[in-house]
Amino acid sequence: GFLSSLLLPEEVRLSSLALRAFNVELAQVKDSVSQKTIGLMRMQFWKTAIEEIFRDDPPNQPVSTELWRAVKRHNLTKRWLLRIITEREKDLDDKAYRNIQELEAYSENTQSSLLYLLLECLGITNVHADHAASHLGKAQGIVTRLRAIPYH
């Protein structure tokens, strides 16, 4: 999290923190709402926010503003951001994973997507780095889910 971001080049650090804040906003939705409908509304806010960010008209919300700056500074790919939202939205159903492939897909679409965005911030366009980010993201997502078992 924060400590590892200190190892990033200074010109990437704020963008990295904006991406992490975006991820935290989305990750907290499931545990902070009492009804799925409210969670879906929050996810819709973020889908709309991403569209507005890419139209250079971000909502007046701190995370959105910093995310807009990151998108402008590093030409980030909208698809990765929307992919995270879509997967977090599906996760609101609170269904158990039927197999490891479903858990891997969840991790790829959330954690790996964040790593792809971080690689873009760093200006790294390398198939081997993408491949490593995919595996690291899957591992991170699986470990995060395992750590959360006592709480769910």
N, C-alpha and C. Protein backbone atom coordinates (compact mmCIF):
# COMPACT_ATOMS: atom_id res chain seq x y z
N GLY A 1 0.80 -1.18 0.00
CA GLY A 1 0.00 0.00 0.00
C GLY A 1 0.85 1.25 0.00
N PHE A 2 0.66 2.05 1.02
CA PHE A 2 1.31 3.35 1.07
C PHE A 2 2.83 3.24 1.09
N LEU A 3 3.36 2.35 1.93
CA LEU A 3 4.82 2.24 2.03
C LEU A 3 5.45 1.82 0.71
N SER A 4 4.82 0.89 0.01
CA SER A 4 5.39 0.47 -1.27
C SER A 4 5.31 1.59 -2.30
N SER A 5 4.31 2.46 -2.18
CA SER A 5 4.21 3.58 -3.13
C SER A 5 5.38 4.55 -2.97
N LEU A 6 5.99 4.58 -1.81
CA LEU A 6 7.15 5.46 -1.60
C LEU A 6 8.36 5.02 -2.42
N LEU A 7 8.36 3.77 -2.87
CA LEU A 7 9.46 3.27 -3.69
C LEU A 7 9.29 3.64 -5.17
N LEU A 8 8.10 4.12 -5.53
CA LEU A 8 7.84 4.49 -6.92
C LEU A 8 8.49 5.84 -7.23
N PRO A 9 8.80 6.07 -8.51
CA PRO A 9 9.31 7.39 -8.88
C PRO A 9 8.31 8.48 -8.48
N GLU A 10 8.83 9.62 -8.09
CA GLU A 10 7.98 10.70 -7.57
C GLU A 10 6.87 11.10 -8.55
N GLU A 11 7.17 11.09 -9.85
CA GLU A 11 6.18 11.52 -10.84
C GLU A 11 5.02 10.53 -11.00
N VAL A 12 5.15 9.36 -10.42
CA VAL A 12 4.11 8.33 -10.50
C VAL A 12 3.37 8.16 -9.18
N ARG A 13 3.95 8.62 -8.11
CA ARG A 13 3.45 8.35 -6.76
C ARG A 13 2.00 8.81 -6.56
N LEU A 14 1.68 10.04 -6.91
CA LEU A 14 0.31 10.53 -6.71
C LEU A 14 -0.70 9.74 -7.53
N SER A 15 -0.31 9.37 -8.74
CA SER A 15 -1.21 8.57 -9.58
C SER A 15 -1.44 7.20 -8.97
N SER A 16 -0.39 6.62 -8.44
CA SER A 16 -0.51 5.32 -7.77
C SER A 16 -1.46 5.41 -6.59
N LEU A 17 -1.33 6.46 -5.80
CA LEU A 17 -2.21 6.64 -4.64
C LEU A 17 -3.64 6.90 -5.08
N ALA A 18 -3.83 7.59 -6.19
CA ALA A 18 -5.19 7.80 -6.71
C ALA A 18 -5.82 6.48 -7.11
N LEU A 19 -5.04 5.61 -7.75
CA LEU A 19 -5.55 4.29 -8.14
C LEU A 19 -5.90 3.46 -6.91
N ARG A 20 -5.06 3.52 -5.90
CA ARG A 20 -5.33 2.77 -4.67
C ARG A 20 -6.57 3.31 -3.97
N ALA A 21 -6.73 4.63 -3.96
CA ALA A 21 -7.92 5.23 -3.34
C ALA A 21 -9.18 4.81 -4.09
N PHE A 22 -9.10 4.78 -5.41
CA PHE A 22 -10.22 4.32 -6.24
C PHE A 22 -10.56 2.88 -5.88
N ASN A 23 -9.56 2.03 -5.76
CA ASN A 23 -9.78 0.64 -5.40
C ASN A 23 -10.41 0.51 -4.02
N VAL A 24 -9.94 1.28 -3.07
CA VAL A 24 -10.49 1.24 -1.70
C VAL A 24 -11.95 1.68 -1.72
N GLU A 25 -12.25 2.74 -2.46
CA GLU A 25 -13.64 3.20 -2.57
C GLU A 25 -14.55 2.07 -3.04
N LEU A 26 -14.11 1.37 -4.07
CA LEU A 26 -14.93 0.28 -4.62
C LEU A 26 -14.99 -0.92 -3.68
N ALA A 27 -13.86 -1.25 -3.07
CA ALA A 27 -13.81 -2.42 -2.19
C ALA A 27 -14.67 -2.24 -0.96
N GLN A 28 -14.83 -1.01 -0.50
CA GLN A 28 -15.61 -0.75 0.71
C GLN A 28 -17.11 -0.77 0.48
N VAL A 29 -17.53 -0.68 -0.75
CA VAL A 29 -18.97 -0.60 -1.03
C VAL A 29 -19.70 -1.81 -0.46
N LYS A 30 -19.20 -2.99 -0.74
CA LYS A 30 -19.89 -4.22 -0.32
C LYS A 30 -20.12 -4.27 1.19
N ASP A 31 -19.14 -3.87 1.95
CA ASP A 31 -19.24 -3.96 3.41
C ASP A 31 -19.91 -2.75 4.05
N SER A 32 -20.12 -1.69 3.28
CA SER A 32 -20.67 -0.47 3.88
C SER A 32 -22.13 -0.21 3.53
N VAL A 33 -22.73 -1.09 2.74
CA VAL A 33 -24.15 -0.89 2.40
C VAL A 33 -24.99 -2.01 3.00
N SER A 34 -26.22 -1.67 3.32
CA SER A 34 -27.12 -2.67 3.91
C SER A 34 -27.99 -3.33 2.85
N GLN A 35 -28.09 -2.71 1.68
CA GLN A 35 -28.90 -3.27 0.60
C GLN A 35 -28.10 -3.27 -0.70
N LYS A 36 -28.28 -4.32 -1.47
CA LYS A 36 -27.56 -4.43 -2.74
C LYS A 36 -27.86 -3.24 -3.66
N THR A 37 -29.10 -2.77 -3.64
CA THR A 37 -29.50 -1.66 -4.51
C THR A 37 -28.65 -0.42 -4.25
N ILE A 38 -28.36 -0.15 -3.00
CA ILE A 38 -27.52 1.00 -2.66
C ILE A 38 -26.11 0.79 -3.20
N GLY A 39 -25.61 -0.43 -3.08
CA GLY A 39 -24.30 -0.75 -3.63
C GLY A 39 -24.26 -0.57 -5.14
N LEU A 40 -25.32 -0.98 -5.82
CA LEU A 40 -25.40 -0.82 -7.27
C LEU A 40 -25.41 0.66 -7.65
N MET A 41 -26.07 1.47 -6.84
CA MET A 41 -26.09 2.91 -7.10
C MET A 41 -24.69 3.51 -6.96
N ARG A 42 -23.95 3.06 -5.97
CA ARG A 42 -22.58 3.56 -5.79
C ARG A 42 -21.68 3.12 -6.95
N MET A 43 -21.89 1.88 -7.41
CA MET A 43 -21.11 1.42 -8.56
C MET A 43 -21.47 2.22 -9.81
N GLN A 44 -22.75 2.55 -9.97
CA GLN A 44 -23.16 3.36 -11.11
C GLN A 44 -22.53 4.75 -11.04
N PHE A 45 -22.43 5.29 -9.83
CA PHE A 45 -21.74 6.58 -9.67
C PHE A 45 -20.33 6.48 -10.26
N TRP A 46 -19.63 5.40 -9.93
CA TRP A 46 -18.25 5.27 -10.40
C TRP A 46 -18.17 5.02 -11.89
N LYS A 47 -19.12 4.27 -12.45
CA LYS A 47 -19.13 4.09 -13.91
C LYS A 47 -19.31 5.44 -14.60
N THR A 48 -20.26 6.21 -14.10
CA THR A 48 -20.50 7.55 -14.66
C THR A 48 -19.28 8.44 -14.45
N ALA A 49 -18.68 8.36 -13.27
CA ALA A 49 -17.49 9.17 -12.97
C ALA A 49 -16.36 8.86 -13.96
N ILE A 50 -16.16 7.59 -14.26
CA ILE A 50 -15.09 7.22 -15.21
C ILE A 50 -15.38 7.82 -16.58
N GLU A 51 -16.64 7.72 -17.03
CA GLU A 51 -17.00 8.31 -18.32
C GLU A 51 -16.74 9.81 -18.31
N GLU A 52 -17.10 10.47 -17.22
CA GLU A 52 -16.89 11.92 -17.12
C GLU A 52 -15.40 12.27 -17.03
N ILE A 53 -14.64 11.45 -16.35
CA ILE A 53 -13.19 11.66 -16.27
C ILE A 53 -12.58 11.63 -17.67
N PHE A 54 -13.03 10.69 -18.49
CA PHE A 54 -12.47 10.57 -19.83
C PHE A 54 -13.04 11.62 -20.79
N ARG A 55 -14.05 12.37 -20.36
CA ARG A 55 -14.56 13.52 -21.12
C ARG A 55 -14.00 14.82 -20.56
N ASP A 56 -13.04 14.72 -19.68
CA ASP A 56 -12.41 15.89 -19.03
C ASP A 56 -13.40 16.69 -18.19
N ASP A 57 -14.35 16.01 -17.59
CA ASP A 57 -15.34 16.67 -16.73
C ASP A 57 -15.57 15.82 -15.48
N PRO A 58 -14.51 15.64 -14.65
CA PRO A 58 -14.66 14.74 -13.50
C PRO A 58 -15.63 15.31 -12.46
N PRO A 59 -16.32 14.42 -11.74
CA PRO A 59 -17.19 14.89 -10.66
C PRO A 59 -16.37 15.60 -9.59
N ASN A 60 -17.04 16.46 -8.86
CA ASN A 60 -16.37 17.20 -7.78
C ASN A 60 -16.29 16.29 -6.55
N GLN A 61 -15.38 15.35 -6.62
CA GLN A 61 -15.17 14.36 -5.57
C GLN A 61 -13.67 14.10 -5.54
N PRO A 62 -13.05 14.09 -4.37
CA PRO A 62 -11.58 14.04 -4.29
C PRO A 62 -10.92 12.88 -5.05
N VAL A 63 -11.44 11.67 -4.91
CA VAL A 63 -10.81 10.53 -5.59
C VAL A 63 -10.97 10.68 -7.10
N SER A 64 -12.14 11.12 -7.53
CA SER A 64 -12.38 11.33 -8.97
C SER A 64 -11.42 12.37 -9.54
N THR A 65 -11.20 13.43 -8.80
CA THR A 65 -10.30 14.49 -9.26
C THR A 65 -8.88 13.97 -9.42
N GLU A 66 -8.40 13.23 -8.44
CA GLU A 66 -7.04 12.68 -8.53
C GLU A 66 -6.93 11.61 -9.62
N LEU A 67 -7.99 10.83 -9.78
CA LEU A 67 -8.00 9.83 -10.84
C LEU A 67 -7.96 10.51 -12.20
N TRP A 68 -8.69 11.60 -12.36
CA TRP A 68 -8.68 12.37 -13.60
C TRP A 68 -7.26 12.86 -13.90
N ARG A 69 -6.59 13.36 -12.86
CA ARG A 69 -5.20 13.82 -13.05
C ARG A 69 -4.30 12.68 -13.50
N ALA A 70 -4.50 11.51 -12.92
CA ALA A 70 -3.69 10.33 -13.29
C ALA A 70 -3.97 9.93 -14.74
N VAL A 71 -5.23 9.93 -15.11
CA VAL A 71 -5.61 9.57 -16.49
C VAL A 71 -4.97 10.54 -17.47
N LYS A 72 -5.03 11.84 -17.16
CA LYS A 72 -4.46 12.85 -18.05
C LYS A 72 -2.93 12.73 -18.12
N ARG A 73 -2.31 12.52 -16.98
CA ARG A 73 -0.85 12.50 -16.89
C ARG A 73 -0.26 11.27 -17.60
N HIS A 74 -0.96 10.14 -17.49
CA HIS A 74 -0.36 8.88 -17.97
C HIS A 74 -1.16 8.21 -19.08
N ASN A 75 -2.21 8.87 -19.55
CA ASN A 75 -3.04 8.30 -20.63
C ASN A 75 -3.51 6.89 -20.27
N LEU A 76 -4.11 6.75 -19.10
CA LEU A 76 -4.55 5.44 -18.61
C LEU A 76 -5.70 4.89 -19.45
N THR A 77 -5.81 3.58 -19.47
CA THR A 77 -6.82 2.90 -20.26
C THR A 77 -8.13 2.78 -19.48
N LYS A 78 -9.20 3.29 -20.07
CA LYS A 78 -10.51 3.28 -19.43
C LYS A 78 -10.98 1.85 -19.14
N ARG A 79 -10.67 0.94 -20.05
CA ARG A 79 -11.14 -0.44 -19.92
C ARG A 79 -10.74 -1.06 -18.59
N TRP A 80 -9.51 -0.80 -18.11
CA TRP A 80 -9.07 -1.40 -16.85
C TRP A 80 -9.88 -0.86 -15.68
N LEU A 81 -10.17 0.42 -15.70
CA LEU A 81 -10.95 1.04 -14.62
C LEU A 81 -12.38 0.49 -14.60
N LEU A 82 -12.99 0.39 -15.78
CA LEU A 82 -14.36 -0.13 -15.85
C LEU A 82 -14.41 -1.61 -15.49
N ARG A 83 -13.37 -2.33 -15.83
CA ARG A 83 -13.30 -3.75 -15.51
C ARG A 83 -13.31 -3.97 -13.99
N ILE A 84 -12.62 -3.12 -13.27
CA ILE A 84 -12.60 -3.22 -11.81
C ILE A 84 -14.00 -2.97 -11.26
N ILE A 85 -14.66 -1.93 -11.76
CA ILE A 85 -16.01 -1.60 -11.28
C ILE A 85 -16.97 -2.74 -11.57
N THR A 86 -16.93 -3.26 -12.79
CA THR A 86 -17.84 -4.33 -13.18
C THR A 86 -17.66 -5.56 -12.30
N GLU A 87 -16.43 -5.91 -12.01
CA GLU A 87 -16.18 -7.09 -11.17
C GLU A 87 -16.62 -6.85 -9.74
N ARG A 88 -16.36 -5.68 -9.21
CA ARG A 88 -16.80 -5.35 -7.85
C ARG A 88 -18.33 -5.33 -7.78
N GLU A 89 -18.96 -4.89 -8.85
CA GLU A 89 -20.42 -4.88 -8.90
C GLU A 89 -20.97 -6.31 -8.86
N LYS A 90 -20.36 -7.20 -9.62
CA LYS A 90 -20.78 -8.61 -9.59
C LYS A 90 -20.59 -9.20 -8.21
N ASP A 91 -19.58 -8.76 -7.51
CA ASP A 91 -19.26 -9.28 -6.18
C ASP A 91 -20.30 -8.87 -5.13
N LEU A 92 -21.13 -7.89 -5.44
CA LEU A 92 -22.18 -7.48 -4.50
C LEU A 92 -23.18 -8.60 -4.25
N ASP A 93 -23.27 -9.56 -5.18
CA ASP A 93 -24.19 -10.69 -5.02
C ASP A 93 -23.80 -11.58 -3.85
N ASP A 94 -22.56 -11.50 -3.43
CA ASP A 94 -22.08 -12.24 -2.26
C ASP A 94 -22.23 -13.75 -2.42
N LYS A 95 -21.99 -14.23 -3.63
CA LYS A 95 -22.05 -15.67 -3.89
C LYS A 95 -20.66 -16.28 -3.69
N ALA A 96 -20.64 -17.49 -3.21
CA ALA A 96 -19.36 -18.20 -3.04
C ALA A 96 -18.81 -18.57 -4.42
N TYR A 97 -17.51 -18.59 -4.53
CA TYR A 97 -16.88 -19.03 -5.77
C TYR A 97 -17.07 -20.53 -5.90
N ARG A 98 -17.46 -20.96 -7.08
CA ARG A 98 -17.70 -22.39 -7.30
C ARG A 98 -16.42 -23.16 -7.56
N ASN A 99 -15.39 -22.45 -8.01
CA ASN A 99 -14.12 -23.11 -8.31
C ASN A 99 -13.00 -22.07 -8.31
N ILE A 100 -11.79 -22.54 -8.43
CA ILE A 100 -10.63 -21.65 -8.38
C ILE A 100 -10.61 -20.71 -9.59
N GLN A 101 -11.17 -21.15 -10.71
CA GLN A 101 -11.19 -20.31 -11.90
C GLN A 101 -12.02 -19.04 -11.68
N GLU A 102 -13.13 -19.16 -10.95
CA GLU A 102 -13.93 -17.97 -10.65
C GLU A 102 -13.17 -17.01 -9.74
N LEU A 103 -12.47 -17.55 -8.77
CA LEU A 103 -11.67 -16.71 -7.88
C LEU A 103 -10.52 -16.05 -8.65
N GLU A 104 -9.91 -16.79 -9.55
CA GLU A 104 -8.84 -16.22 -10.38
C GLU A 104 -9.38 -15.11 -11.27
N ALA A 105 -10.57 -15.32 -11.84
CA ALA A 105 -11.17 -14.30 -12.71
C ALA A 105 -11.45 -13.02 -11.92
N TYR A 106 -11.99 -13.19 -10.71
CA TYR A 106 -12.24 -12.03 -9.85
C TYR A 106 -10.93 -11.29 -9.58
N SER A 107 -9.89 -12.03 -9.24
CA SER A 107 -8.59 -11.43 -8.91
C SER A 107 -7.96 -10.76 -10.13
N GLU A 108 -8.07 -11.40 -11.28
CA GLU A 108 -7.55 -10.82 -12.52
C GLU A 108 -8.25 -9.50 -12.83
N ASN A 109 -9.57 -9.49 -12.68
CA ASN A 109 -10.34 -8.31 -13.05
C ASN A 109 -10.21 -7.16 -12.05
N THR A 110 -9.80 -7.46 -10.84
CA THR A 110 -9.65 -6.40 -9.84
C THR A 110 -8.17 -6.09 -9.62
N GLN A 111 -7.46 -6.98 -9.00
CA GLN A 111 -6.06 -6.71 -8.62
C GLN A 111 -5.12 -6.61 -9.82
N SER A 112 -5.25 -7.52 -10.77
CA SER A 112 -4.37 -7.45 -11.95
C SER A 112 -4.64 -6.19 -12.75
N SER A 113 -5.91 -5.80 -12.86
CA SER A 113 -6.23 -4.56 -13.58
C SER A 113 -5.56 -3.36 -12.94
N LEU A 114 -5.52 -3.33 -11.61
CA LEU A 114 -4.81 -2.24 -10.91
C LEU A 114 -3.33 -2.25 -11.26
N LEU A 115 -2.75 -3.42 -11.33
CA LEU A 115 -1.32 -3.52 -11.67
C LEU A 115 -1.07 -3.10 -13.12
N TYR A 116 -2.00 -3.42 -14.03
CA TYR A 116 -1.85 -2.97 -15.42
C TYR A 116 -1.85 -1.45 -15.48
N LEU A 117 -2.74 -0.84 -14.69
CA LEU A 117 -2.80 0.63 -14.63
C LEU A 117 -1.51 1.21 -14.06
N LEU A 118 -0.97 0.56 -13.05
CA LEU A 118 0.30 1.03 -12.48
C LEU A 118 1.43 0.92 -13.50
N LEU A 119 1.44 -0.17 -14.26
CA LEU A 119 2.45 -0.30 -15.32
C LEU A 119 2.31 0.84 -16.34
N GLU A 120 1.06 1.19 -16.66
CA GLU A 120 0.85 2.31 -17.58
C GLU A 120 1.40 3.61 -16.99
N CYS A 121 1.18 3.82 -15.70
CA CYS A 121 1.72 5.01 -15.03
C CYS A 121 3.24 5.05 -15.15
N LEU A 122 3.85 3.90 -15.05
CA LEU A 122 5.31 3.80 -15.12
C LEU A 122 5.84 3.84 -16.55
N GLY A 123 4.92 3.82 -17.53
CA GLY A 123 5.33 3.83 -18.93
C GLY A 123 5.87 2.50 -19.41
N ILE A 124 5.50 1.43 -18.73
CA ILE A 124 6.00 0.10 -19.09
C ILE A 124 4.98 -0.58 -20.00
N THR A 125 5.40 -0.84 -21.23
CA THR A 125 4.56 -1.57 -22.18
C THR A 125 5.36 -2.79 -22.63
N ASN A 126 5.21 -3.85 -21.89
CA ASN A 126 6.01 -5.04 -22.10
C ASN A 126 5.14 -6.25 -21.80
N VAL A 127 5.07 -7.16 -22.73
CA VAL A 127 4.21 -8.33 -22.57
C VAL A 127 4.63 -9.18 -21.37
N HIS A 128 5.91 -9.22 -21.08
CA HIS A 128 6.39 -10.00 -19.93
C HIS A 128 5.98 -9.34 -18.61
N ALA A 129 6.02 -8.02 -18.57
CA ALA A 129 5.56 -7.31 -17.37
C ALA A 129 4.06 -7.51 -17.19
N ASP A 130 3.31 -7.46 -18.28
CA ASP A 130 1.86 -7.71 -18.20
C ASP A 130 1.58 -9.11 -17.69
N HIS A 131 2.34 -10.07 -18.19
CA HIS A 131 2.17 -11.46 -17.76
C HIS A 131 2.45 -11.60 -16.26
N ALA A 132 3.53 -10.99 -15.82
CA ALA A 132 3.87 -11.03 -14.39
C ALA A 132 2.79 -10.34 -13.57
N ALA A 133 2.29 -9.20 -14.05
CA ALA A 133 1.24 -8.46 -13.34
C ALA A 133 -0.03 -9.30 -13.22
N SER A 134 -0.33 -10.06 -14.25
CA SER A 134 -1.50 -10.93 -14.21
C SER A 134 -1.37 -11.95 -13.09
N HIS A 135 -0.23 -12.61 -13.03
CA HIS A 135 -0.02 -13.62 -11.98
C HIS A 135 0.05 -13.00 -10.59
N LEU A 136 0.74 -11.89 -10.47
CA LEU A 136 0.84 -11.22 -9.16
C LEU A 136 -0.53 -10.75 -8.69
N GLY A 137 -1.32 -10.20 -9.60
CA GLY A 137 -2.66 -9.74 -9.24
C GLY A 137 -3.55 -10.89 -8.80
N LYS A 138 -3.46 -12.01 -9.51
CA LYS A 138 -4.25 -13.18 -9.11
C LYS A 138 -3.83 -13.65 -7.72
N ALA A 139 -2.54 -13.71 -7.49
CA ALA A 139 -2.06 -14.14 -6.17
C ALA A 139 -2.51 -13.17 -5.08
N GLN A 140 -2.39 -11.90 -5.35
CA GLN A 140 -2.80 -10.89 -4.37
C GLN A 140 -4.30 -10.98 -4.09
N GLY A 141 -5.10 -11.16 -5.12
CA GLY A 141 -6.54 -11.28 -4.94
C GLY A 141 -6.93 -12.51 -4.14
N ILE A 142 -6.29 -13.63 -4.43
CA ILE A 142 -6.59 -14.87 -3.71
C ILE A 142 -6.19 -14.74 -2.24
N VAL A 143 -5.02 -14.20 -1.98
CA VAL A 143 -4.56 -14.03 -0.60
C VAL A 143 -5.49 -13.07 0.16
N THR A 144 -5.90 -12.01 -0.49
CA THR A 144 -6.82 -11.05 0.15
C THR A 144 -8.13 -11.73 0.52
N ARG A 145 -8.64 -12.55 -0.37
CA ARG A 145 -9.89 -13.28 -0.08
C ARG A 145 -9.69 -14.28 1.06
N LEU A 146 -8.57 -14.95 1.08
CA LEU A 146 -8.30 -15.90 2.17
C LEU A 146 -8.19 -15.17 3.50
N ARG A 147 -7.54 -14.02 3.50
CA ARG A 147 -7.42 -13.24 4.74
C ARG A 147 -8.78 -12.77 5.25
N ALA A 148 -9.73 -12.58 4.35
CA ALA A 148 -11.05 -12.05 4.72
C ALA A 148 -12.01 -13.13 5.21
N ILE A 149 -11.64 -14.39 5.09
CA ILE A 149 -12.56 -15.48 5.47
C ILE A 149 -13.12 -15.32 6.89
N PRO A 150 -12.33 -14.99 7.89
CA PRO A 150 -12.90 -14.86 9.24
C PRO A 150 -13.96 -13.76 9.37
N TYR A 151 -13.97 -12.82 8.43
CA TYR A 151 -14.88 -11.68 8.53
C TYR A 151 -16.14 -11.84 7.70
N HIS A 152 -16.21 -12.88 6.88
CA HIS A 152 -17.38 -13.03 6.00
C HIS A 152 -18.06 -14.36 6.24
